[in-house]
Amino acid sequence: PLTTAVGRPLPLSVRVNADPRPRSLVWWFKHQGPGTVTISHPASTVRQGPTEVTTTATFSEPGDYVLRVTSVENVGTIEFHCCWTNGYVKDTVTP
């Protein structure tokens, strides 16, 4: 679990392997929590190879949150409900 304070950007990163198919897509979402979460770069494209995708999340209220990161092979695979991975990050936000 990660911790931060209200209004303080929390650095987030995930490593994505786009091989053998380039152009994987990565999205960050608020999955659970009491307040609003602002994600600086909620969507990214990974063009090729193992790549670290970074962003920050800023929370409006204290509490326990869960953020979800989803990586999809490409936009076409979403239609077929295929080829994605979800990750979950627990965050505790203090006043």
N, C-alpha and C. Protein backbone atom coordinates (compact mmCIF):
# COMPACT_ATOMS: atom_id res chain seq x y z
N PRO A 1 0.83 -1.21 0.00
CA PRO A 1 0.00 0.00 0.00
C PRO A 1 0.87 1.27 0.00
N LEU A 2 0.40 2.28 -0.66
CA LEU A 2 1.09 3.56 -0.72
C LEU A 2 0.38 4.56 0.18
N THR A 3 1.09 5.58 0.60
CA THR A 3 0.48 6.64 1.40
C THR A 3 0.86 8.00 0.85
N THR A 4 -0.05 8.94 1.01
CA THR A 4 0.19 10.32 0.62
C THR A 4 -0.78 11.19 1.42
N ALA A 5 -0.72 12.49 1.20
CA ALA A 5 -1.62 13.43 1.87
C ALA A 5 -2.54 14.07 0.82
N VAL A 6 -3.67 14.56 1.30
CA VAL A 6 -4.61 15.27 0.42
C VAL A 6 -3.86 16.39 -0.30
N GLY A 7 -4.07 16.48 -1.61
CA GLY A 7 -3.47 17.55 -2.41
C GLY A 7 -2.03 17.32 -2.81
N ARG A 8 -1.38 16.30 -2.30
CA ARG A 8 0.02 16.01 -2.65
C ARG A 8 0.04 14.93 -3.75
N PRO A 9 0.65 15.24 -4.90
CA PRO A 9 0.69 14.25 -5.98
C PRO A 9 1.47 12.99 -5.55
N LEU A 10 0.87 11.85 -5.83
CA LEU A 10 1.47 10.55 -5.53
C LEU A 10 2.03 9.97 -6.83
N PRO A 11 3.35 9.75 -6.92
CA PRO A 11 3.91 9.16 -8.14
C PRO A 11 3.47 7.70 -8.30
N LEU A 12 3.10 7.35 -9.52
CA LEU A 12 2.70 5.99 -9.85
C LEU A 12 3.46 5.53 -11.08
N SER A 13 3.81 4.26 -11.12
CA SER A 13 4.47 3.73 -12.32
C SER A 13 4.10 2.26 -12.49
N VAL A 14 4.11 1.83 -13.72
CA VAL A 14 3.86 0.44 -14.06
C VAL A 14 4.73 0.10 -15.26
N ARG A 15 5.24 -1.11 -15.28
CA ARG A 15 6.07 -1.56 -16.40
C ARG A 15 5.20 -2.41 -17.32
N VAL A 16 5.20 -2.04 -18.61
CA VAL A 16 4.36 -2.70 -19.60
C VAL A 16 5.26 -3.24 -20.71
N ASN A 17 5.01 -4.49 -21.10
CA ASN A 17 5.76 -5.08 -22.20
C ASN A 17 4.85 -5.12 -23.42
N ALA A 18 5.18 -4.33 -24.43
CA ALA A 18 4.36 -4.24 -25.64
C ALA A 18 4.82 -5.24 -26.70
N ASP A 19 5.78 -6.07 -26.40
CA ASP A 19 6.20 -7.09 -27.38
C ASP A 19 5.28 -8.28 -27.28
N PRO A 20 4.93 -8.97 -28.28
CA PRO A 20 5.39 -8.78 -29.65
C PRO A 20 4.56 -7.78 -30.44
N ARG A 21 3.46 -7.33 -29.87
CA ARG A 21 2.60 -6.39 -30.61
C ARG A 21 2.78 -4.98 -30.05
N PRO A 22 3.20 -4.06 -30.89
CA PRO A 22 3.36 -2.68 -30.41
C PRO A 22 2.03 -1.98 -30.20
N ARG A 23 2.09 -0.85 -29.54
CA ARG A 23 0.96 0.05 -29.32
C ARG A 23 -0.02 -0.45 -28.27
N SER A 24 0.48 -0.97 -27.20
CA SER A 24 -0.39 -1.28 -26.07
C SER A 24 -0.89 0.02 -25.45
N LEU A 25 -2.05 -0.04 -24.84
CA LEU A 25 -2.65 1.13 -24.20
C LEU A 25 -2.73 0.89 -22.71
N VAL A 26 -2.48 1.96 -21.93
CA VAL A 26 -2.52 1.88 -20.47
C VAL A 26 -3.42 2.99 -19.96
N TRP A 27 -4.37 2.61 -19.07
CA TRP A 27 -5.28 3.58 -18.45
C TRP A 27 -5.24 3.43 -16.94
N TRP A 28 -5.29 4.57 -16.24
CA TRP A 28 -5.41 4.60 -14.77
C TRP A 28 -6.80 5.09 -14.42
N PHE A 29 -7.42 4.47 -13.40
CA PHE A 29 -8.77 4.82 -12.96
C PHE A 29 -8.83 4.83 -11.43
N LYS A 30 -9.74 5.62 -10.89
CA LYS A 30 -10.11 5.44 -9.49
C LYS A 30 -11.06 4.24 -9.46
N HIS A 31 -10.72 3.25 -8.67
CA HIS A 31 -11.56 2.05 -8.55
C HIS A 31 -12.48 2.15 -7.33
N GLN A 32 -11.92 2.63 -6.20
CA GLN A 32 -12.69 2.81 -4.97
C GLN A 32 -12.11 3.98 -4.20
N GLY A 33 -12.94 4.59 -3.37
CA GLY A 33 -12.46 5.65 -2.49
C GLY A 33 -13.48 6.75 -2.33
N PRO A 34 -13.35 7.53 -1.26
CA PRO A 34 -14.37 8.50 -0.91
C PRO A 34 -14.36 9.79 -1.72
N GLY A 35 -13.23 10.20 -2.25
CA GLY A 35 -13.16 11.51 -2.89
C GLY A 35 -12.82 11.41 -4.36
N THR A 36 -12.49 12.56 -4.92
CA THR A 36 -12.09 12.65 -6.32
C THR A 36 -10.59 12.38 -6.44
N VAL A 37 -10.21 11.69 -7.49
CA VAL A 37 -8.79 11.45 -7.79
C VAL A 37 -8.50 12.08 -9.14
N THR A 38 -7.50 12.94 -9.18
CA THR A 38 -7.06 13.55 -10.43
C THR A 38 -5.77 12.86 -10.84
N ILE A 39 -5.79 12.25 -12.00
CA ILE A 39 -4.62 11.53 -12.52
C ILE A 39 -4.02 12.38 -13.63
N SER A 40 -2.74 12.73 -13.49
CA SER A 40 -2.12 13.68 -14.42
C SER A 40 -2.10 13.18 -15.86
N HIS A 41 -1.80 11.92 -16.07
CA HIS A 41 -1.80 11.32 -17.41
C HIS A 41 -2.57 10.00 -17.32
N PRO A 42 -3.90 10.06 -17.43
CA PRO A 42 -4.70 8.84 -17.22
C PRO A 42 -4.57 7.81 -18.34
N ALA A 43 -4.07 8.21 -19.51
CA ALA A 43 -3.94 7.27 -20.63
C ALA A 43 -2.57 7.44 -21.28
N SER A 44 -1.97 6.31 -21.64
CA SER A 44 -0.67 6.31 -22.30
C SER A 44 -0.64 5.23 -23.36
N THR A 45 0.19 5.44 -24.37
CA THR A 45 0.42 4.44 -25.41
C THR A 45 1.86 3.94 -25.29
N VAL A 46 2.02 2.63 -25.27
CA VAL A 46 3.34 2.02 -25.23
C VAL A 46 3.62 1.53 -26.64
N ARG A 47 4.62 2.11 -27.26
CA ARG A 47 4.87 1.81 -28.67
C ARG A 47 5.59 0.48 -28.90
N GLN A 48 6.57 0.15 -28.06
CA GLN A 48 7.27 -1.11 -28.27
C GLN A 48 8.15 -1.44 -27.07
N GLY A 49 8.31 -2.74 -26.84
CA GLY A 49 9.24 -3.21 -25.82
C GLY A 49 8.77 -2.95 -24.41
N PRO A 50 9.53 -3.41 -23.44
CA PRO A 50 9.22 -3.10 -22.04
C PRO A 50 9.41 -1.60 -21.80
N THR A 51 8.40 -0.98 -21.25
CA THR A 51 8.41 0.46 -21.00
C THR A 51 7.80 0.75 -19.65
N GLU A 52 8.37 1.70 -18.94
CA GLU A 52 7.78 2.16 -17.68
C GLU A 52 6.85 3.33 -17.98
N VAL A 53 5.61 3.21 -17.55
CA VAL A 53 4.61 4.26 -17.73
C VAL A 53 4.43 4.94 -16.38
N THR A 54 4.59 6.26 -16.34
CA THR A 54 4.50 7.00 -15.08
C THR A 54 3.42 8.06 -15.14
N THR A 55 2.86 8.37 -13.98
CA THR A 55 1.87 9.42 -13.84
C THR A 55 1.83 9.81 -12.36
N THR A 56 0.94 10.71 -11.99
CA THR A 56 0.72 11.03 -10.59
C THR A 56 -0.78 11.05 -10.32
N ALA A 57 -1.15 10.77 -9.09
CA ALA A 57 -2.55 10.85 -8.65
C ALA A 57 -2.63 11.82 -7.48
N THR A 58 -3.60 12.72 -7.51
CA THR A 58 -3.83 13.67 -6.43
C THR A 58 -5.24 13.45 -5.91
N PHE A 59 -5.36 13.35 -4.59
CA PHE A 59 -6.61 12.98 -3.93
C PHE A 59 -7.24 14.20 -3.26
N SER A 60 -8.58 14.29 -3.32
CA SER A 60 -9.29 15.44 -2.78
C SER A 60 -9.68 15.26 -1.32
N GLU A 61 -9.76 14.02 -0.83
CA GLU A 61 -10.20 13.75 0.54
C GLU A 61 -9.36 12.64 1.15
N PRO A 62 -9.21 12.66 2.48
CA PRO A 62 -8.52 11.54 3.12
C PRO A 62 -9.36 10.27 3.05
N GLY A 63 -8.70 9.14 3.19
CA GLY A 63 -9.40 7.85 3.20
C GLY A 63 -8.58 6.78 2.51
N ASP A 64 -9.20 5.63 2.37
CA ASP A 64 -8.57 4.50 1.69
C ASP A 64 -9.10 4.42 0.27
N TYR A 65 -8.19 4.30 -0.67
CA TYR A 65 -8.52 4.26 -2.08
C TYR A 65 -7.91 3.02 -2.72
N VAL A 66 -8.47 2.65 -3.86
CA VAL A 66 -7.87 1.65 -4.73
C VAL A 66 -7.86 2.25 -6.13
N LEU A 67 -6.69 2.29 -6.74
CA LEU A 67 -6.56 2.72 -8.13
C LEU A 67 -6.40 1.48 -8.98
N ARG A 68 -6.93 1.54 -10.20
CA ARG A 68 -6.80 0.42 -11.12
C ARG A 68 -6.03 0.89 -12.34
N VAL A 69 -5.08 0.09 -12.77
CA VAL A 69 -4.37 0.33 -14.01
C VAL A 69 -4.73 -0.82 -14.95
N THR A 70 -5.11 -0.47 -16.16
CA THR A 70 -5.49 -1.47 -17.16
C THR A 70 -4.59 -1.30 -18.37
N SER A 71 -4.01 -2.40 -18.82
CA SER A 71 -3.21 -2.41 -20.03
C SER A 71 -3.90 -3.31 -21.05
N VAL A 72 -4.13 -2.79 -22.24
CA VAL A 72 -4.76 -3.56 -23.30
C VAL A 72 -3.79 -3.68 -24.47
N GLU A 73 -3.86 -4.82 -25.13
CA GLU A 73 -2.95 -5.07 -26.24
C GLU A 73 -3.08 -4.00 -27.32
N ASN A 74 -4.31 -3.67 -27.71
CA ASN A 74 -4.59 -2.57 -28.64
C ASN A 74 -6.09 -2.30 -28.61
N VAL A 75 -6.51 -1.22 -29.23
CA VAL A 75 -7.91 -0.82 -29.17
C VAL A 75 -8.82 -1.90 -29.77
N GLY A 76 -8.39 -2.57 -30.83
CA GLY A 76 -9.19 -3.59 -31.48
C GLY A 76 -9.53 -4.76 -30.57
N THR A 77 -8.67 -5.10 -29.65
CA THR A 77 -8.92 -6.25 -28.78
C THR A 77 -10.00 -5.96 -27.74
N ILE A 78 -10.25 -4.71 -27.43
CA ILE A 78 -11.29 -4.36 -26.46
C ILE A 78 -12.65 -4.86 -26.94
N GLU A 79 -12.91 -4.73 -28.22
CA GLU A 79 -14.18 -5.16 -28.80
C GLU A 79 -14.42 -6.65 -28.57
N PHE A 80 -13.36 -7.44 -28.53
CA PHE A 80 -13.48 -8.89 -28.37
C PHE A 80 -13.26 -9.34 -26.93
N HIS A 81 -13.19 -8.38 -26.00
CA HIS A 81 -12.97 -8.69 -24.58
C HIS A 81 -11.75 -9.59 -24.41
N CYS A 82 -10.70 -9.22 -25.08
CA CYS A 82 -9.49 -10.04 -25.10
C CYS A 82 -8.26 -9.21 -24.77
N CYS A 83 -7.30 -9.88 -24.20
CA CYS A 83 -5.92 -9.39 -24.17
C CYS A 83 -5.71 -8.14 -23.34
N TRP A 84 -6.14 -8.15 -22.09
CA TRP A 84 -5.88 -7.04 -21.19
C TRP A 84 -5.46 -7.58 -19.84
N THR A 85 -4.87 -6.68 -19.05
CA THR A 85 -4.45 -7.01 -17.69
C THR A 85 -4.81 -5.85 -16.79
N ASN A 86 -5.34 -6.16 -15.60
CA ASN A 86 -5.64 -5.14 -14.59
C ASN A 86 -4.65 -5.28 -13.44
N GLY A 87 -4.28 -4.15 -12.87
CA GLY A 87 -3.49 -4.12 -11.65
C GLY A 87 -4.19 -3.18 -10.68
N TYR A 88 -4.03 -3.42 -9.39
CA TYR A 88 -4.70 -2.60 -8.37
C TYR A 88 -3.67 -2.08 -7.38
N VAL A 89 -3.79 -0.81 -7.02
CA VAL A 89 -2.87 -0.17 -6.10
C VAL A 89 -3.69 0.41 -4.95
N LYS A 90 -3.37 -0.04 -3.73
CA LYS A 90 -4.04 0.50 -2.53
C LYS A 90 -3.31 1.74 -2.07
N ASP A 91 -4.08 2.77 -1.74
CA ASP A 91 -3.53 4.06 -1.30
C ASP A 91 -4.26 4.52 -0.06
N THR A 92 -3.49 4.93 0.94
CA THR A 92 -4.06 5.56 2.12
C THR A 92 -3.73 7.04 2.05
N VAL A 93 -4.74 7.87 2.15
CA VAL A 93 -4.58 9.32 2.02
C VAL A 93 -4.89 9.95 3.37
N THR A 94 -3.93 10.72 3.87
CA THR A 94 -4.09 11.39 5.17
C THR A 94 -4.49 12.85 4.95
N PRO A 95 -5.03 13.51 5.98
CA PRO A 95 -5.43 14.93 5.84
C PRO A 95 -4.26 15.84 5.48
